[in-house]
Amino acid sequence: VYTSNATSPAAENTRISITNSGPASIGVH
């Protein structure tokens, strides 16, 4: 799930993180 409030992101928002733990550069779609 992800959500955000366009006018009040302090009340409703999502912080998504993605990590490349591997040995090469990679693209993520």
PDB file of all heavy atoms in Angstrom:
ATOM      1  N   VAL A   1       0.844  -1.194   0.000  1.00  0.00           N
ATOM      2  CA  VAL A   1       0.000   0.000   0.000  1.00  0.00           C
ATOM      3  C   VAL A   1       0.879   1.242   0.000  1.00  0.00           C
ATOM      4  O   VAL A   1       1.966   1.248   0.589  1.00  0.00           O
ATOM      5  CB  VAL A   1      -0.960   0.019   1.224  1.00  0.00           C
ATOM      6  CG1 VAL A   1      -0.191   0.114   2.537  1.00  0.00           C
ATOM      7  CG2 VAL A   1      -1.987   1.132   1.128  1.00  0.00           C
ATOM      8  N   TYR A   2       0.433   2.244  -0.711  1.00  0.00           N
ATOM      9  CA  TYR A   2       1.046   3.569  -0.588  1.00  0.00           C
ATOM     10  C   TYR A   2      -0.066   4.609  -0.659  1.00  0.00           C
ATOM     11  O   TYR A   2      -1.107   4.391  -1.297  1.00  0.00           O
ATOM     12  CB  TYR A   2       2.106   3.823  -1.673  1.00  0.00           C
ATOM     13  CG  TYR A   2       1.551   4.163  -3.034  1.00  0.00           C
ATOM     14  CD1 TYR A   2       1.498   5.486  -3.486  1.00  0.00           C
ATOM     15  CD2 TYR A   2       1.082   3.172  -3.889  1.00  0.00           C
ATOM     16  CE1 TYR A   2       1.000   5.803  -4.746  1.00  0.00           C
ATOM     17  CE2 TYR A   2       0.594   3.475  -5.146  1.00  0.00           C
ATOM     18  CZ  TYR A   2       0.553   4.800  -5.572  1.00  0.00           C
ATOM     19  OH  TYR A   2       0.060   5.110  -6.808  1.00  0.00           O
ATOM     20  N   THR A   3       0.125   5.706   0.023  1.00  0.00           N
ATOM     21  CA  THR A   3      -0.877   6.760   0.068  1.00  0.00           C
ATOM     22  C   THR A   3      -0.202   8.084   0.363  1.00  0.00           C
ATOM     23  O   THR A   3       0.920   8.123   0.888  1.00  0.00           O
ATOM     24  CB  THR A   3      -1.949   6.466   1.140  1.00  0.00           C
ATOM     25  OG1 THR A   3      -2.957   7.483   1.105  1.00  0.00           O
ATOM     26  CG2 THR A   3      -1.346   6.429   2.538  1.00  0.00           C
ATOM     27  N   SER A   4      -0.856   9.162   0.026  1.00  0.00           N
ATOM     28  CA  SER A   4      -0.398  10.489   0.435  1.00  0.00           C
ATOM     29  C   SER A   4      -1.558  11.459   0.305  1.00  0.00           C
ATOM     30  O   SER A   4      -2.466  11.252  -0.512  1.00  0.00           O
ATOM     31  CB  SER A   4       0.786  10.971  -0.413  1.00  0.00           C
ATOM     32  OG  SER A   4       0.380  11.281  -1.726  1.00  0.00           O
ATOM     33  N   ASN A   5      -1.519  12.482   1.115  1.00  0.00           N
ATOM     34  CA  ASN A   5      -2.481  13.577   1.034  1.00  0.00           C
ATOM     35  C   ASN A   5      -1.789  14.731   0.339  1.00  0.00           C
ATOM     36  O   ASN A   5      -0.787  15.249   0.830  1.00  0.00           O
ATOM     37  CB  ASN A   5      -2.960  13.972   2.434  1.00  0.00           C
ATOM     38  CG  ASN A   5      -4.082  14.988   2.402  1.00  0.00           C
ATOM     39  OD1 ASN A   5      -3.992  16.005   1.731  1.00  0.00           O
ATOM     40  ND2 ASN A   5      -5.136  14.712   3.147  1.00  0.00           N
ATOM     41  N   ALA A   6      -2.292  15.127  -0.809  1.00  0.00           N
ATOM     42  CA  ALA A   6      -1.620  16.137  -1.621  1.00  0.00           C
ATOM     43  C   ALA A   6      -1.505  17.472  -0.910  1.00  0.00           C
ATOM     44  O   ALA A   6      -0.540  18.213  -1.126  1.00  0.00           O
ATOM     45  CB  ALA A   6      -2.358  16.312  -2.944  1.00  0.00           C
ATOM     46  N   THR A   7      -2.456  17.804  -0.045  1.00  0.00           N
ATOM     47  CA  THR A   7      -2.435  19.094   0.647  1.00  0.00           C
ATOM     48  C   THR A   7      -1.876  18.999   2.053  1.00  0.00           C
ATOM     49  O   THR A   7      -1.445  19.999   2.614  1.00  0.00           O
ATOM     50  CB  THR A   7      -3.856  19.689   0.712  1.00  0.00           C
ATOM     51  OG1 THR A   7      -4.724  18.772   1.397  1.00  0.00           O
ATOM     52  CG2 THR A   7      -4.389  19.933  -0.694  1.00  0.00           C
ATOM     53  N   SER A   8      -1.882  17.792   2.651  1.00  0.00           N
ATOM     54  CA  SER A   8      -1.374  17.633   4.012  1.00  0.00           C
ATOM     55  C   SER A   8      -0.565  16.343   4.131  1.00  0.00           C
ATOM     56  O   SER A   8      -1.000  15.385   4.785  1.00  0.00           O
ATOM     57  CB  SER A   8      -2.526  17.638   5.027  1.00  0.00           C
ATOM     58  OG  SER A   8      -2.033  17.532   6.346  1.00  0.00           O
ATOM     59  N   PRO A   9       0.627  16.287   3.509  1.00  0.00           N
ATOM     60  CA  PRO A   9       1.432  15.064   3.572  1.00  0.00           C
ATOM     61  C   PRO A   9       1.904  14.717   4.975  1.00  0.00           C
ATOM     62  O   PRO A   9       2.260  13.566   5.239  1.00  0.00           O
ATOM     63  CB  PRO A   9       2.611  15.379   2.651  1.00  0.00           C
ATOM     64  CG  PRO A   9       2.675  16.867   2.591  1.00  0.00           C
ATOM     65  CD  PRO A   9       1.260  17.333   2.705  1.00  0.00           C
ATOM     66  N   ALA A  10       1.907  15.686   5.908  1.00  0.00           N
ATOM     67  CA  ALA A  10       2.298  15.382   7.282  1.00  0.00           C
ATOM     68  C   ALA A  10       1.299  14.447   7.935  1.00  0.00           C
ATOM     69  O   ALA A  10       1.656  13.662   8.823  1.00  0.00           O
ATOM     70  CB  ALA A  10       2.416  16.673   8.091  1.00  0.00           C
ATOM     71  N   ALA A  11       0.046  14.482   7.495  1.00  0.00           N
ATOM     72  CA  ALA A  11      -0.996  13.636   8.080  1.00  0.00           C
ATOM     73  C   ALA A  11      -1.079  12.285   7.398  1.00  0.00           C
ATOM     74  O   ALA A  11      -1.393  11.277   8.040  1.00  0.00           O
ATOM     75  CB  ALA A  11      -2.353  14.341   8.005  1.00  0.00           C
ATOM     76  N   GLU A  12      -0.766  12.249   6.094  1.00  0.00           N
ATOM     77  CA  GLU A  12      -0.911  10.996   5.346  1.00  0.00           C
ATOM     78  C   GLU A  12       0.158  10.945   4.260  1.00  0.00           C
ATOM     79  O   GLU A  12       0.177  11.778   3.349  1.00  0.00           O
ATOM     80  CB  GLU A  12      -2.304  10.899   4.727  1.00  0.00           C
ATOM     81  CG  GLU A  12      -2.558   9.590   4.014  1.00  0.00           C
ATOM     82  CD  GLU A  12      -4.042   9.304   3.809  1.00  0.00           C
ATOM     83  OE1 GLU A  12      -4.863   9.736   4.649  1.00  0.00           O
ATOM     84  OE2 GLU A  12      -4.368   8.632   2.822  1.00  0.00           O
ATOM     85  N   ASN A  13       1.037   9.949   4.362  1.00  0.00           N
ATOM     86  CA  ASN A  13       2.128   9.855   3.401  1.00  0.00           C
ATOM     87  C   ASN A  13       2.769   8.467   3.493  1.00  0.00           C
ATOM     88  O   ASN A  13       2.499   7.702   4.424  1.00  0.00           O
ATOM     89  CB  ASN A  13       3.179  10.937   3.649  1.00  0.00           C
ATOM     90  CG  ASN A  13       3.901  11.364   2.377  1.00  0.00           C
ATOM     91  OD1 ASN A  13       3.764  10.725   1.339  1.00  0.00           O
ATOM     92  ND2 ASN A  13       4.676  12.430   2.463  1.00  0.00           N
ATOM     93  N   THR A  14       3.657   8.187   2.537  1.00  0.00           N
ATOM     94  CA  THR A  14       4.371   6.916   2.508  1.00  0.00           C
ATOM     95  C   THR A  14       5.816   7.156   2.108  1.00  0.00           C
ATOM     96  O   THR A  14       6.080   7.900   1.153  1.00  0.00           O
ATOM     97  CB  THR A  14       3.742   5.935   1.500  1.00  0.00           C
ATOM     98  OG1 THR A  14       2.335   5.877   1.713  1.00  0.00           O
ATOM     99  CG2 THR A  14       4.340   4.542   1.642  1.00  0.00           C
ATOM    100  N   ARG A  15       6.725   6.551   2.846  1.00  0.00           N
ATOM    101  CA  ARG A  15       8.146   6.589   2.490  1.00  0.00           C
ATOM    102  C   ARG A  15       8.569   5.198   2.064  1.00  0.00           C
ATOM    103  O   ARG A  15       8.598   4.267   2.857  1.00  0.00           O
ATOM    104  CB  ARG A  15       9.006   7.063   3.665  1.00  0.00           C
ATOM    105  CG  ARG A  15      10.455   7.375   3.254  1.00  0.00           C
ATOM    106  CD  ARG A  15      11.324   7.672   4.459  1.00  0.00           C
ATOM    107  NE  ARG A  15      11.750   6.440   5.128  1.00  0.00           N
ATOM    108  CZ  ARG A  15      12.491   6.424   6.241  1.00  0.00           C
ATOM    109  NH1 ARG A  15      12.869   7.551   6.815  1.00  0.00           N
ATOM    110  NH2 ARG A  15      12.847   5.271   6.783  1.00  0.00           N
ATOM    111  N   ILE A  16       8.902   5.071   0.794  1.00  0.00           N
ATOM    112  CA  ILE A  16       9.274   3.785   0.195  1.00  0.00           C
ATOM    113  C   ILE A  16      10.781   3.745   0.018  1.00  0.00           C
ATOM    114  O   ILE A  16      11.369   4.692  -0.500  1.00  0.00           O
ATOM    115  CB  ILE A  16       8.578   3.608  -1.173  1.00  0.00           C
ATOM    116  CG1 ILE A  16       7.054   3.564  -0.987  1.00  0.00           C
ATOM    117  CG2 ILE A  16       9.079   2.355  -1.883  1.00  0.00           C
ATOM    118  CD1 ILE A  16       6.287   3.685  -2.286  1.00  0.00           C
ATOM    119  N   SER A  17      11.390   2.650   0.430  1.00  0.00           N
ATOM    120  CA  SER A  17      12.824   2.479   0.210  1.00  0.00           C
ATOM    121  C   SER A  17      13.070   1.194  -0.560  1.00  0.00           C
ATOM    122  O   SER A  17      12.373   0.193  -0.391  1.00  0.00           O
ATOM    123  CB  SER A  17      13.592   2.454   1.534  1.00  0.00           C
ATOM    124  OG  SER A  17      13.292   1.291   2.270  1.00  0.00           O
ATOM    125  N   ILE A  18      14.085   1.247  -1.439  1.00  0.00           N
ATOM    126  CA  ILE A  18      14.490   0.075  -2.210  1.00  0.00           C
ATOM    127  C   ILE A  18      16.009   0.050  -2.258  1.00  0.00           C
ATOM    128  O   ILE A  18      16.648   1.066  -2.517  1.00  0.00           O
ATOM    129  CB  ILE A  18      13.870   0.090  -3.617  1.00  0.00           C
ATOM    130  CG1 ILE A  18      14.278  -1.166  -4.392  1.00  0.00           C
ATOM    131  CG2 ILE A  18      14.229   1.364  -4.376  1.00  0.00           C
ATOM    132  CD1 ILE A  18      13.466  -1.360  -5.658  1.00  0.00           C
ATOM    133  N   THR A  19      16.584  -1.105  -1.975  1.00  0.00           N
ATOM    134  CA  THR A  19      18.035  -1.247  -1.843  1.00  0.00           C
ATOM    135  C   THR A  19      18.564  -2.303  -2.797  1.00  0.00           C
ATOM    136  O   THR A  19      17.984  -3.388  -2.916  1.00  0.00           O
ATOM    137  CB  THR A  19      18.404  -1.632  -0.394  1.00  0.00           C
ATOM    138  OG1 THR A  19      17.983  -0.589   0.489  1.00  0.00           O
ATOM    139  CG2 THR A  19      19.907  -1.842  -0.244  1.00  0.00           C
ATOM    140  N   ASN A  20      19.657  -1.969  -3.461  1.00  0.00           N
ATOM    141  CA  ASN A  20      20.390  -2.919  -4.284  1.00  0.00           C
ATOM    142  C   ASN A  20      21.484  -3.529  -3.424  1.00  0.00           C
ATOM    143  O   ASN A  20      22.517  -2.909  -3.176  1.00  0.00           O
ATOM    144  CB  ASN A  20      20.984  -2.199  -5.507  1.00  0.00           C
ATOM    145  CG  ASN A  20      21.905  -3.099  -6.327  1.00  0.00           C
ATOM    146  OD1 ASN A  20      21.956  -4.312  -6.137  1.00  0.00           O
ATOM    147  ND2 ASN A  20      22.642  -2.487  -7.254  1.00  0.00           N
ATOM    148  N   SER A  21      21.281  -4.742  -2.969  1.00  0.00           N
ATOM    149  CA  SER A  21      22.262  -5.408  -2.111  1.00  0.00           C
ATOM    150  C   SER A  21      23.263  -6.230  -2.912  1.00  0.00           C
ATOM    151  O   SER A  21      24.065  -6.964  -2.333  1.00  0.00           O
ATOM    152  CB  SER A  21      21.551  -6.306  -1.095  1.00  0.00           C
ATOM    153  OG  SER A  21      20.936  -7.408  -1.741  1.00  0.00           O
ATOM    154  N   GLY A  22      23.212  -6.123  -4.236  1.00  0.00           N
ATOM    155  CA  GLY A  22      24.017  -6.987  -5.078  1.00  0.00           C
ATOM    156  C   GLY A  22      25.273  -6.360  -5.640  1.00  0.00           C
ATOM    157  O   GLY A  22      25.632  -5.223  -5.309  1.00  0.00           O
ATOM    158  N   PRO A  23      25.956  -7.087  -6.541  1.00  0.00           N
ATOM    159  CA  PRO A  23      27.296  -6.721  -6.987  1.00  0.00           C
ATOM    160  C   PRO A  23      27.343  -5.838  -8.231  1.00  0.00           C
ATOM    161  O   PRO A  23      28.435  -5.524  -8.716  1.00  0.00           O
ATOM    162  CB  PRO A  23      27.919  -8.085  -7.299  1.00  0.00           C
ATOM    163  CG  PRO A  23      26.756  -8.900  -7.784  1.00  0.00           C
ATOM    164  CD  PRO A  23      25.566  -8.440  -6.983  1.00  0.00           C
ATOM    165  N   ALA A  24      26.198  -5.431  -8.790  1.00  0.00           N
ATOM    166  CA  ALA A  24      26.204  -4.680 -10.045  1.00  0.00           C
ATOM    167  C   ALA A  24      25.182  -3.559 -10.009  1.00  0.00           C
ATOM    168  O   ALA A  24      24.270  -3.549  -9.173  1.00  0.00           O
ATOM    169  CB  ALA A  24      25.907  -5.619 -11.212  1.00  0.00           C
ATOM    170  N   SER A  25      25.317  -2.610 -10.924  1.00  0.00           N
ATOM    171  CA  SER A  25      24.294  -1.582 -11.090  1.00  0.00           C
ATOM    172  C   SER A  25      23.074  -2.203 -11.769  1.00  0.00           C
ATOM    173  O   SER A  25      23.192  -3.122 -12.588  1.00  0.00           O
ATOM    174  CB  SER A  25      24.832  -0.424 -11.933  1.00  0.00           C
ATOM    175  OG  SER A  25      25.888   0.230 -11.264  1.00  0.00           O
ATOM    176  N   ILE A  26      21.906  -1.681 -11.445  1.00  0.00           N
ATOM    177  CA  ILE A  26      20.676  -2.278 -11.944  1.00  0.00           C
ATOM    178  C   ILE A  26      19.621  -1.192 -12.146  1.00  0.00           C
ATOM    179  O   ILE A  26      19.612  -0.177 -11.444  1.00  0.00           O
ATOM    180  CB  ILE A  26      20.146  -3.360 -10.958  1.00  0.00           C
ATOM    181  CG1 ILE A  26      19.036  -4.203 -11.599  1.00  0.00           C
ATOM    182  CG2 ILE A  26      19.673  -2.732  -9.662  1.00  0.00           C
ATOM    183  CD1 ILE A  26      19.511  -5.125 -12.673  1.00  0.00           C
ATOM    184  N   GLY A  27      18.746  -1.397 -13.123  1.00  0.00           N
ATOM    185  CA  GLY A  27      17.589  -0.534 -13.277  1.00  0.00           C
ATOM    186  C   GLY A  27      16.399  -1.132 -12.557  1.00  0.00           C
ATOM    187  O   GLY A  27      16.279  -2.359 -12.425  1.00  0.00           O
ATOM    188  N   VAL A  28      15.520  -0.278 -12.064  1.00  0.00           N
ATOM    189  CA  VAL A  28      14.301  -0.743 -11.391  1.00  0.00           C
ATOM    190  C   VAL A  28      13.116  -0.007 -12.004  1.00  0.00           C
ATOM    191  O   VAL A  28      13.038   1.224 -11.943  1.00  0.00           O
ATOM    192  CB  VAL A  28      14.345  -0.496  -9.867  1.00  0.00           C
ATOM    193  CG1 VAL A  28      13.062  -1.011  -9.225  1.00  0.00           C
ATOM    194  CG2 VAL A  28      15.555  -1.174  -9.250  1.00  0.00           C
ATOM    195  N   HIS A  29      12.230  -0.765 -12.630  1.00  0.00           N
ATOM    196  CA  HIS A  29      11.023  -0.205 -13.234  1.00  0.00           C
ATOM    197  C   HIS A  29       9.925  -0.207 -12.173  1.00  0.00           C
ATOM    198  O   HIS A  29       9.503  -1.266 -11.702  1.00  0.00           O
ATOM    199  CB  HIS A  29      10.604  -1.044 -14.441  1.00  0.00           C
ATOM    200  CG  HIS A  29       9.757  -0.311 -15.422  1.00  0.00           C
ATOM    201  ND1 HIS A  29       9.690  -0.640 -16.760  1.00  0.00           N
ATOM    202  CD2 HIS A  29       8.928   0.754 -15.285  1.00  0.00           C
ATOM    203  CE1 HIS A  29       8.866   0.180 -17.394  1.00  0.00           C
ATOM    204  NE2 HIS A  29       8.384   1.027 -16.505  1.00  0.00           N
TER     205      HIS A  29
END
